[in-house]
Amino acid sequence: MRKVGLAIVGLMLLTVSCKDKEVETPVVVEETKVETVEEQPKTTELRLSAENMDKYAESEDKMMVSLGDDDQMRLQKAIQIIGNYNIVYGAEEDIDNDKTDAVFLKQVGGKTFKEVCEVAEGYLKAYQQRELDRINTLLGTIKDPKAASEEDKYNEAQNDLEEAKKMPITIDAYDYNEECFL
């Protein structure tokens, strides 16, 4: 009986001890932190002036200062490309500087760095396309490329075609020439 009594007492203690041990689950309190994000006022991008060449030069200098080294070179290349594709010649085959400046200012005036680069790349792509069209037209006129009379013309057109495909169509691929700068 003693064993049965001990077993009952042990069972009671076990039952009581299990009931006393309540499993505590940790309570996770999430704190939400509200941050107010201050909107930074958008800085207006610098634009090149179209008023006159002096104001343009000032705006170009300001834009150059705001750019990193790589972008400064891109801007110089873009300006050179646009300038070179817009040279206006006078009656005596001399460059008409006033008209050339006016056309140049019309092309770059009021534009941001990115817009000026896009205009310049547009000139490069258009020039390459004109060359490809010219060469393809020439190739279309050659009836028999193996004929002795047209063989030289055909070979020259093929060489021109290879060169045209290598033409730079991006500002980064364009070779800047300090001597050519207007």
C-alpha atoms as a PDB file:
ATOM      1  CA  MET A   1       0.000   0.000   0.000  1.00  0.00           C
ATOM      2  CA  ARG A   2       2.796   2.152   0.727  1.00  0.00           C
ATOM      3  CA  LYS A   3       3.988   1.796  -2.819  1.00  0.00           C
ATOM      4  CA  VAL A   4       0.571   2.644  -4.174  1.00  0.00           C
ATOM      5  CA  GLY A   5       0.378   5.666  -1.884  1.00  0.00           C
ATOM      6  CA  LEU A   6       3.765   6.833  -2.945  1.00  0.00           C
ATOM      7  CA  ALA A   7       2.822   6.344  -6.570  1.00  0.00           C
ATOM      8  CA  ILE A   8      -0.369   8.375  -6.097  1.00  0.00           C
ATOM      9  CA  VAL A   9       1.477  11.133  -4.260  1.00  0.00           C
ATOM     10  CA  GLY A  10       4.140  11.144  -6.993  1.00  0.00           C
ATOM     11  CA  LEU A  11       1.459  11.331  -9.666  1.00  0.00           C
ATOM     12  CA  MET A  12      -0.231  14.217  -7.862  1.00  0.00           C
ATOM     13  CA  LEU A  13       3.005  16.087  -7.523  1.00  0.00           C
ATOM     14  CA  LEU A  14       3.724  15.505 -11.155  1.00  0.00           C
ATOM     15  CA  THR A  15       0.286  16.760 -12.127  1.00  0.00           C
ATOM     16  CA  VAL A  16       0.524  19.759  -9.835  1.00  0.00           C
ATOM     17  CA  SER A  17       4.020  20.600 -10.996  1.00  0.00           C
ATOM     18  CA  CYS A  18       2.923  20.434 -14.647  1.00  0.00           C
ATOM     19  CA  LYS A  19       0.015  22.772 -14.003  1.00  0.00           C
ATOM     20  CA  ASP A  20       2.218  25.245 -12.172  1.00  0.00           C
ATOM     21  CA  LYS A  21       4.643  25.370 -15.046  1.00  0.00           C
ATOM     22  CA  GLU A  22       2.877  27.446 -17.564  1.00  0.00           C
ATOM     23  CA  VAL A  23       4.881  28.014 -20.646  1.00  0.00           C
ATOM     24  CA  GLU A  24       5.484  31.664 -21.087  1.00  0.00           C
ATOM     25  CA  THR A  25       5.667  32.762 -24.659  1.00  0.00           C
ATOM     26  CA  PRO A  26       7.647  35.880 -25.159  1.00  0.00           C
ATOM     27  CA  VAL A  27       5.572  38.834 -26.169  1.00  0.00           C
ATOM     28  CA  VAL A  28       7.087  40.668 -29.063  1.00  0.00           C
ATOM     29  CA  VAL A  29       6.282  44.308 -29.073  1.00  0.00           C
ATOM     30  CA  GLU A  30       6.964  45.868 -32.408  1.00  0.00           C
ATOM     31  CA  GLU A  31       7.795  49.476 -32.311  1.00  0.00           C
ATOM     32  CA  THR A  32       7.045  51.383 -35.403  1.00  0.00           C
ATOM     33  CA  LYS A  33       9.174  54.355 -35.892  1.00  0.00           C
ATOM     34  CA  VAL A  34       7.722  57.086 -37.994  1.00  0.00           C
ATOM     35  CA  GLU A  35      10.342  58.997 -39.865  1.00  0.00           C
ATOM     36  CA  THR A  36       9.510  62.095 -41.700  1.00  0.00           C
ATOM     37  CA  VAL A  37      11.510  62.280 -44.833  1.00  0.00           C
ATOM     38  CA  GLU A  38      12.288  65.776 -45.808  1.00  0.00           C
ATOM     39  CA  GLU A  39      12.029  66.183 -49.511  1.00  0.00           C
ATOM     40  CA  GLN A  40      15.068  67.846 -50.818  1.00  0.00           C
ATOM     41  CA  PRO A  41      14.217  70.603 -53.171  1.00  0.00           C
ATOM     42  CA  LYS A  42      15.034  69.490 -56.658  1.00  0.00           C
ATOM     43  CA  THR A  43      17.917  71.428 -57.976  1.00  0.00           C
ATOM     44  CA  THR A  44      17.329  72.654 -61.435  1.00  0.00           C
ATOM     45  CA  GLU A  45      19.783  71.280 -63.908  1.00  0.00           C
ATOM     46  CA  LEU A  46      22.085  73.806 -65.423  1.00  0.00           C
ATOM     47  CA  ARG A  47      21.238  74.846 -68.951  1.00  0.00           C
ATOM     48  CA  LEU A  48      23.390  76.444 -71.590  1.00  0.00           C
ATOM     49  CA  SER A  49      22.485  80.012 -72.464  1.00  0.00           C
ATOM     50  CA  ALA A  50      21.318  80.913 -75.962  1.00  0.00           C
ATOM     51  CA  GLU A  51      21.417  84.708 -75.573  1.00  0.00           C
ATOM     52  CA  ASN A  52      24.853  85.327 -77.042  1.00  0.00           C
ATOM     53  CA  MET A  53      28.268  83.683 -77.119  1.00  0.00           C
ATOM     54  CA  ASP A  54      29.478  85.489 -73.976  1.00  0.00           C
ATOM     55  CA  LYS A  55      26.494  84.319 -71.908  1.00  0.00           C
ATOM     56  CA  TYR A  56      26.846  80.885 -73.464  1.00  0.00           C
ATOM     57  CA  ALA A  57      30.526  80.730 -72.403  1.00  0.00           C
ATOM     58  CA  GLU A  58      29.583  81.675 -68.826  1.00  0.00           C
ATOM     59  CA  SER A  59      26.876  79.020 -68.688  1.00  0.00           C
ATOM     60  CA  GLU A  60      29.241  76.439 -70.175  1.00  0.00           C
ATOM     61  CA  ASP A  61      31.840  77.246 -67.496  1.00  0.00           C
ATOM     62  CA  LYS A  62      29.226  76.821 -64.742  1.00  0.00           C
ATOM     63  CA  MET A  63      28.110  73.530 -66.246  1.00  0.00           C
ATOM     64  CA  MET A  64      31.705  72.293 -66.510  1.00  0.00           C
ATOM     65  CA  VAL A  65      32.348  73.074 -62.832  1.00  0.00           C
ATOM     66  CA  SER A  66      29.270  71.071 -61.831  1.00  0.00           C
ATOM     67  CA  LEU A  67      30.395  67.964 -63.746  1.00  0.00           C
ATOM     68  CA  GLY A  68      32.959  65.292 -62.930  1.00  0.00           C
ATOM     69  CA  ASP A  69      36.038  64.799 -65.103  1.00  0.00           C
ATOM     70  CA  ASP A  70      34.474  62.174 -67.394  1.00  0.00           C
ATOM     71  CA  ASP A  71      31.345  64.230 -67.961  1.00  0.00           C
ATOM     72  CA  GLN A  72      33.430  67.348 -68.586  1.00  0.00           C
ATOM     73  CA  MET A  73      35.151  65.511 -71.438  1.00  0.00           C
ATOM     74  CA  ARG A  74      31.776  64.298 -72.734  1.00  0.00           C
ATOM     75  CA  LEU A  75      30.496  67.870 -72.748  1.00  0.00           C
ATOM     76  CA  GLN A  76      33.583  69.084 -74.602  1.00  0.00           C
ATOM     77  CA  LYS A  77      33.162  66.324 -77.176  1.00  0.00           C
ATOM     78  CA  ALA A  78      29.449  67.076 -77.575  1.00  0.00           C
ATOM     79  CA  ILE A  79      30.123  70.782 -78.076  1.00  0.00           C
ATOM     80  CA  GLN A  80      32.813  69.992 -80.633  1.00  0.00           C
ATOM     81  CA  ILE A  81      30.537  67.619 -82.547  1.00  0.00           C
ATOM     82  CA  ILE A  82      27.643  70.079 -82.638  1.00  0.00           C
ATOM     83  CA  GLY A  83      29.939  72.942 -83.589  1.00  0.00           C
ATOM     84  CA  ASN A  84      31.624  71.010 -86.381  1.00  0.00           C
ATOM     85  CA  TYR A  85      28.354  69.838 -87.915  1.00  0.00           C
ATOM     86  CA  ASN A  86      26.940  73.368 -87.966  1.00  0.00           C
ATOM     87  CA  ILE A  87      29.643  75.418 -89.652  1.00  0.00           C
ATOM     88  CA  VAL A  88      28.169  77.995 -92.005  1.00  0.00           C
ATOM     89  CA  TYR A  89      30.319  79.183 -94.892  1.00  0.00           C
ATOM     90  CA  GLY A  90      30.088  82.603 -96.473  1.00  0.00           C
ATOM     91  CA  ALA A  91      30.270  83.552-100.135  1.00  0.00           C
ATOM     92  CA  GLU A  92      34.065  83.378-100.238  1.00  0.00           C
ATOM     93  CA  GLU A  93      34.302  79.882 -98.735  1.00  0.00           C
ATOM     94  CA  ASP A  94      35.251  81.382 -95.381  1.00  0.00           C
ATOM     95  CA  ILE A  95      33.467  80.462 -92.179  1.00  0.00           C
ATOM     96  CA  ASP A  96      30.743  82.972 -91.388  1.00  0.00           C
ATOM     97  CA  ASN A  97      31.317  83.179 -87.631  1.00  0.00           C
ATOM     98  CA  ASP A  98      28.157  85.142 -86.837  1.00  0.00           C
ATOM     99  CA  LYS A  99      25.895  82.676 -88.640  1.00  0.00           C
ATOM    100  CA  THR A 100      27.828  79.699 -87.288  1.00  0.00           C
ATOM    101  CA  ASP A 101      27.477  81.043 -83.731  1.00  0.00           C
ATOM    102  CA  ALA A 102      23.755  81.667 -84.247  1.00  0.00           C
ATOM    103  CA  VAL A 103      23.172  78.121 -85.504  1.00  0.00           C
ATOM    104  CA  PHE A 104      25.283  76.701 -82.674  1.00  0.00           C
ATOM    105  CA  LEU A 105      23.392  78.671 -80.022  1.00  0.00           C
ATOM    106  CA  LYS A 106      20.109  77.504 -81.513  1.00  0.00           C
ATOM    107  CA  GLN A 107      21.259  73.880 -81.201  1.00  0.00           C
ATOM    108  CA  VAL A 108      22.596  74.005 -77.624  1.00  0.00           C
ATOM    109  CA  GLY A 109      20.797  76.955 -76.054  1.00  0.00           C
ATOM    110  CA  GLY A 110      18.512  76.065 -73.173  1.00  0.00           C
ATOM    111  CA  LYS A 111      19.694  72.460 -73.088  1.00  0.00           C
ATOM    112  CA  THR A 112      21.018  70.470 -70.142  1.00  0.00           C
ATOM    113  CA  PHE A 113      24.187  68.393 -70.203  1.00  0.00           C
ATOM    114  CA  LYS A 114      22.227  65.250 -71.033  1.00  0.00           C
ATOM    115  CA  GLU A 115      20.269  66.964 -73.801  1.00  0.00           C
ATOM    116  CA  VAL A 116      23.441  68.383 -75.380  1.00  0.00           C
ATOM    117  CA  CYS A 117      24.975  64.895 -75.396  1.00  0.00           C
ATOM    118  CA  GLU A 118      21.838  63.469 -77.015  1.00  0.00           C
ATOM    119  CA  VAL A 119      21.954  66.122 -79.754  1.00  0.00           C
ATOM    120  CA  ALA A 120      25.624  65.343 -80.435  1.00  0.00           C
ATOM    121  CA  GLU A 121      25.013  61.605 -80.612  1.00  0.00           C
ATOM    122  CA  GLY A 122      22.124  62.308 -82.965  1.00  0.00           C
ATOM    123  CA  TYR A 123      24.566  64.058 -85.309  1.00  0.00           C
ATOM    124  CA  LEU A 124      27.004  61.136 -85.152  1.00  0.00           C
ATOM    125  CA  LYS A 125      24.290  58.564 -85.867  1.00  0.00           C
ATOM    126  CA  ALA A 126      22.808  60.645 -88.686  1.00  0.00           C
ATOM    127  CA  TYR A 127      26.222  61.097 -90.299  1.00  0.00           C
ATOM    128  CA  GLN A 128      26.932  57.374 -90.146  1.00  0.00           C
ATOM    129  CA  GLN A 129      23.500  56.618 -91.610  1.00  0.00           C
ATOM    130  CA  ARG A 130      24.063  59.062 -94.497  1.00  0.00           C
ATOM    131  CA  GLU A 131      27.380  57.365 -95.254  1.00  0.00           C
ATOM    132  CA  LEU A 132      25.811  53.899 -95.136  1.00  0.00           C
ATOM    133  CA  ASP A 133      22.982  55.050 -97.414  1.00  0.00           C
ATOM    134  CA  ARG A 134      25.451  56.624 -99.865  1.00  0.00           C
ATOM    135  CA  ILE A 135      27.556  53.459 -99.997  1.00  0.00           C
ATOM    136  CA  ASN A 136      24.542  51.178-100.357  1.00  0.00           C
ATOM    137  CA  THR A 137      23.264  53.359-103.202  1.00  0.00           C
ATOM    138  CA  LEU A 138      26.664  53.112-104.870  1.00  0.00           C
ATOM    139  CA  LEU A 139      26.701  49.340-104.410  1.00  0.00           C
ATOM    140  CA  GLY A 140      23.217  49.202-105.931  1.00  0.00           C
ATOM    141  CA  THR A 141      24.500  50.817-109.121  1.00  0.00           C
ATOM    142  CA  ILE A 142      27.158  48.155-109.615  1.00  0.00           C
ATOM    143  CA  LYS A 143      25.629  45.527-111.859  1.00  0.00           C
ATOM    144  CA  ASP A 144      28.531  43.085-112.025  1.00  0.00           C
ATOM    145  CA  PRO A 145      31.108  43.454-109.245  1.00  0.00           C
ATOM    146  CA  LYS A 146      33.415  40.996-111.002  1.00  0.00           C
ATOM    147  CA  ALA A 147      33.528  42.973-114.233  1.00  0.00           C
ATOM    148  CA  ALA A 148      36.885  44.675-114.720  1.00  0.00           C
ATOM    149  CA  SER A 149      35.260  48.070-115.198  1.00  0.00           C
ATOM    150  CA  GLU A 150      33.411  47.930-111.867  1.00  0.00           C
ATOM    151  CA  GLU A 151      35.755  45.855-109.733  1.00  0.00           C
ATOM    152  CA  ASP A 152      37.690  48.858-108.362  1.00  0.00           C
ATOM    153  CA  LYS A 153      34.473  50.748-107.677  1.00  0.00           C
ATOM    154  CA  TYR A 154      33.026  47.718-105.870  1.00  0.00           C
ATOM    155  CA  ASN A 155      36.156  47.147-103.755  1.00  0.00           C
ATOM    156  CA  GLU A 156      36.295  50.820-102.806  1.00  0.00           C
ATOM    157  CA  ALA A 157      32.627  50.755-101.815  1.00  0.00           C
ATOM    158  CA  GLN A 158      33.222  47.654 -99.686  1.00  0.00           C
ATOM    159  CA  ASN A 159      36.142  49.367 -97.922  1.00  0.00           C
ATOM    160  CA  ASP A 160      34.035  52.490 -97.377  1.00  0.00           C
ATOM    161  CA  LEU A 161      31.272  50.319 -95.947  1.00  0.00           C
ATOM    162  CA  GLU A 162      33.649  48.745 -93.423  1.00  0.00           C
ATOM    163  CA  GLU A 163      34.924  52.195 -92.418  1.00  0.00           C
ATOM    164  CA  ALA A 164      31.387  53.550 -92.068  1.00  0.00           C
ATOM    165  CA  LYS A 165      30.475  50.706 -89.732  1.00  0.00           C
ATOM    166  CA  LYS A 166      33.410  51.722 -87.495  1.00  0.00           C
ATOM    167  CA  MET A 167      32.318  55.367 -87.250  1.00  0.00           C
ATOM    168  CA  PRO A 168      31.659  56.545 -83.700  1.00  0.00           C
ATOM    169  CA  ILE A 169      27.993  56.894 -82.866  1.00  0.00           C
ATOM    170  CA  THR A 170      28.424  57.632 -79.159  1.00  0.00           C
ATOM    171  CA  ILE A 171      30.182  60.478 -77.418  1.00  0.00           C
ATOM    172  CA  ASP A 172      32.496  58.093 -75.580  1.00  0.00           C
ATOM    173  CA  ALA A 173      33.652  56.524 -78.869  1.00  0.00           C
ATOM    174  CA  TYR A 174      34.264  59.927 -80.479  1.00  0.00           C
ATOM    175  CA  ASP A 175      37.879  61.132 -80.527  1.00  0.00           C
ATOM    176  CA  TYR A 176      38.138  64.651 -79.176  1.00  0.00           C
ATOM    177  CA  ASN A 177      40.539  66.841 -81.145  1.00  0.00           C
ATOM    178  CA  GLU A 178      41.795  69.955 -79.376  1.00  0.00           C
ATOM    179  CA  GLU A 179      43.054  71.438 -82.648  1.00  0.00           C
ATOM    180  CA  CYS A 180      39.619  71.065 -84.179  1.00  0.00           C
ATOM    181  CA  PHE A 181      37.826  72.880 -81.377  1.00  0.00           C
ATOM    182  CA  LEU A 182      36.041  76.012 -82.537  1.00  0.00           C
END
